[in-house]
Protein backbone atom coordinates (compact mmCIF):
# COMPACT_ATOMS: atom_id res chain seq x y z
CA MET A 1 -9.36 -16.66 11.18
CA SER A 2 -10.71 -14.72 14.03
CA ALA A 3 -12.31 -11.16 13.85
CA THR A 4 -8.92 -9.75 14.48
CA THR A 5 -6.10 -11.83 12.85
CA ARG A 6 -2.83 -11.99 14.81
CA ALA A 7 -0.50 -10.96 12.18
CA ALA A 8 3.33 -10.71 12.59
CA VAL A 9 4.83 -7.99 10.36
CA ARG A 10 8.30 -8.66 8.98
CA ALA A 11 10.53 -7.66 6.15
CA MET A 12 9.51 -8.91 2.64
CA THR A 13 11.89 -11.36 1.03
CA ALA A 14 12.20 -12.72 -2.40
CA GLY A 15 10.75 -15.86 -0.95
CA ASP A 16 7.41 -13.99 -0.49
CA ALA A 17 7.30 -13.10 -4.25
CA ASP A 18 4.53 -15.47 -5.24
CA ALA A 19 2.20 -14.65 -2.41
CA VAL A 20 2.81 -10.88 -2.77
CA LEU A 21 2.18 -10.86 -6.41
CA ALA A 22 -0.94 -13.04 -6.01
CA ILE A 23 -2.36 -10.64 -3.45
CA TYR A 24 -1.47 -7.73 -5.71
CA GLN A 25 -3.23 -9.39 -8.50
CA ALA A 26 -6.30 -10.12 -6.44
CA GLY A 27 -6.51 -6.46 -5.54
CA MET A 28 -6.32 -5.39 -9.20
CA ASP A 29 -8.98 -8.06 -10.09
CA GLY A 30 -11.30 -6.29 -7.63
CA GLY A 31 -11.34 -3.23 -9.85
CA ASN A 32 -10.73 -0.60 -7.14
CA ALA A 33 -7.11 -0.87 -6.13
CA SER A 34 -5.06 0.11 -9.13
CA PHE A 35 -5.16 1.53 -12.70
CA GLU A 36 -2.95 -1.46 -13.52
CA ASP A 37 -4.51 -4.76 -14.63
CA THR A 38 -1.66 -7.15 -14.22
CA ALA A 39 0.84 -7.51 -11.37
CA PRO A 40 4.40 -7.09 -12.56
CA ASP A 41 7.00 -9.86 -12.44
CA TRP A 42 9.02 -9.97 -9.32
CA ALA A 43 12.10 -8.26 -10.87
CA ALA A 44 10.06 -5.21 -11.81
CA PHE A 45 8.25 -5.15 -8.35
CA ASP A 46 11.58 -5.35 -6.64
CA ALA A 47 13.25 -2.70 -8.70
CA GLY A 48 10.47 -0.20 -8.20
CA ARG A 49 10.22 -0.30 -4.28
CA LEU A 50 12.58 0.70 -1.58
CA ALA A 51 13.83 -2.47 0.04
CA GLN A 52 14.02 -1.15 3.55
CA HIS A 53 10.29 -0.34 3.57
CA ARG A 54 8.84 -3.53 2.06
CA LEU A 55 6.94 -5.57 4.66
CA VAL A 56 4.56 -8.42 4.78
CA ALA A 57 2.09 -9.55 7.45
CA VAL A 58 2.04 -13.31 8.08
CA ASP A 59 -0.16 -15.54 10.26
CA ASP A 60 1.08 -18.25 12.74
CA LEU A 61 1.77 -20.59 9.87
CA GLY A 62 3.88 -18.11 7.90
CA THR A 63 1.13 -17.46 5.28
CA VAL A 64 1.42 -14.07 3.77
CA LEU A 65 -1.81 -12.09 4.51
CA GLY A 66 -0.85 -8.74 3.02
CA TRP A 67 1.98 -6.44 2.14
CA VAL A 68 2.92 -2.86 2.03
CA ALA A 69 5.76 -1.14 0.08
CA VAL A 70 6.98 2.30 -0.90
CA SER A 71 8.45 4.02 -3.88
CA ARG A 72 10.29 7.22 -4.25
CA VAL A 73 8.09 10.17 -5.57
CA SER A 74 11.13 11.92 -6.97
CA ALA A 75 15.03 11.44 -7.22
CA ARG A 76 15.40 15.23 -6.28
CA ALA A 77 17.04 15.68 -2.89
CA VAL A 78 14.37 18.00 -1.67
CA TYR A 79 11.77 15.11 -1.74
CA ALA A 80 14.02 12.59 -0.22
CA GLY A 81 11.52 12.30 2.72
CA VAL A 82 8.45 11.71 0.54
CA VAL A 83 7.33 8.26 -0.53
CA GLU A 84 4.29 6.83 -2.19
CA HIS A 85 2.95 3.64 -0.77
CA SER A 86 0.85 0.81 -1.63
CA VAL A 87 -0.91 -1.67 0.77
CA TYR A 88 -2.72 -4.80 -0.31
CA VAL A 89 -4.38 -7.48 1.92
CA ASP A 90 -5.58 -10.88 0.81
CA PRO A 91 -9.37 -10.80 0.28
CA ALA A 92 -9.72 -13.61 2.89
CA ALA A 93 -7.93 -11.55 5.58
CA GLN A 94 -9.63 -8.19 4.89
CA GLY A 95 -11.33 -6.41 7.80
CA ARG A 96 -9.32 -8.16 10.41
CA GLY A 97 -6.57 -5.70 11.30
CA VAL A 98 -3.94 -6.81 8.82
CA GLY A 99 -3.99 -3.53 6.78
CA ARG A 100 -3.69 -1.57 10.03
CA ALA A 101 -0.78 -3.67 11.24
CA LEU A 102 1.00 -3.11 8.01
CA LEU A 103 0.43 0.67 8.00
CA ASP A 104 1.62 0.87 11.60
CA ALA A 105 4.75 -1.00 10.80
CA LEU A 106 5.34 1.15 7.63
CA ILE A 107 4.89 4.38 9.59
CA ALA A 108 7.49 3.15 12.33
CA SER A 109 9.93 2.03 9.41
CA THR A 110 9.72 5.29 7.41
CA GLU A 111 9.87 7.57 10.43
CA ALA A 112 13.01 5.75 11.74
CA ALA A 113 14.64 6.39 8.27
CA GLY A 114 13.68 10.18 8.36
CA ILE A 115 10.84 10.01 5.93
CA TRP A 116 8.34 12.80 6.69
CA THR A 117 5.50 12.11 4.28
CA ILE A 118 3.76 9.01 3.06
CA GLN A 119 1.31 9.64 0.17
CA SER A 120 -0.89 7.69 -2.07
CA GLY A 121 -3.96 7.74 -4.36
CA VAL A 122 -7.06 5.83 -3.58
CA PHE A 123 -10.14 5.36 -5.70
CA PRO A 124 -13.04 6.98 -4.05
CA GLU A 125 -15.06 3.75 -4.37
CA ASN A 126 -12.47 2.01 -2.12
CA THR A 127 -14.11 3.20 1.16
CA ALA A 128 -12.57 0.50 3.26
CA SER A 129 -9.03 1.63 2.20
CA LEU A 130 -9.92 5.34 2.89
CA ALA A 131 -11.30 4.44 6.30
CA LEU A 132 -8.26 2.39 7.06
CA HIS A 133 -5.86 5.20 6.10
CA HIS A 134 -7.77 7.90 7.96
CA SER A 135 -7.69 5.67 11.14
CA ALA A 136 -3.89 5.40 10.73
CA GLY A 137 -3.40 9.32 10.59
CA PHE A 138 -3.71 9.93 6.83
CA ARG A 139 -5.76 12.86 5.63
CA THR A 140 -7.41 13.51 2.40
CA LEU A 141 -5.83 16.50 0.48
CA GLY A 142 -8.31 16.48 -2.36
CA VAL A 143 -9.63 14.56 -5.34
CA ARG A 144 -7.76 14.36 -8.58
CA GLU A 145 -10.70 14.26 -11.04
CA ARG A 146 -10.41 12.12 -14.06
CA ILE A 147 -6.65 11.71 -13.44
CA GLY A 148 -6.49 8.47 -15.53
CA ARG A 149 -8.37 5.98 -17.64
CA HIS A 150 -8.96 2.44 -16.38
CA ALA A 151 -8.40 0.11 -19.29
CA SER A 152 -10.01 -2.92 -17.83
CA GLN A 153 -13.15 -1.00 -17.19
CA GLY A 154 -13.79 0.20 -20.76
CA ASN A 155 -11.16 2.95 -20.76
CA ARG A 156 -13.33 5.03 -18.37
CA TRP A 157 -12.03 7.97 -16.51
CA ARG A 158 -11.47 7.59 -12.82
CA ASP A 159 -10.98 9.93 -9.96
CA VAL A 160 -8.42 9.43 -7.23
CA VAL A 161 -8.49 10.66 -3.66
CA PHE A 162 -5.03 12.04 -2.79
CA ILE A 163 -4.05 11.09 0.87
CA GLU A 164 -1.00 11.79 2.96
CA ARG A 165 0.43 11.24 6.36
CA ARG A 166 2.89 13.84 7.62
CA SER A 167 5.12 12.53 10.44
CA PRO A 168 4.76 14.48 13.68
CA ARG A 169 8.17 13.05 14.65
CA VAL A 170 10.38 13.72 11.58
CA GLN A 171 11.17 17.44 11.42
């Protein structure tokens, strides 16, 4: 791969399940992507994320390089325009623009659907993710101190940096 990978972003399909879940697991195995330790099966992944905002980045051969997806933060109507997102990039493709391509496509997708806020929590140690998000227009709202225990790391407390991107287009 070159310094900047040419990645096409397209809708995620069930045919991407194995690659998506493998990339998800690789992120979890790195220790700074999720409190979870094991990627869910496809049925659980599929059920928990909004179908119209699940995207993958693929190379010229169709290999999945990364994915992004959103979940509702609440079923209440007043929060209909607020989603929580996750973005994961294959370790072999990190630092090559894949994450940015996915975030840009997600922003376009959510804004077209009237979503005004994308939010997430990132471990403070995941400085690459924080830099990526800030470059895509996310801002840090604060740090949620000792918000959860990380079982795979000896049940230690972890902080989470709470970030969001408010759409300047969706009013």
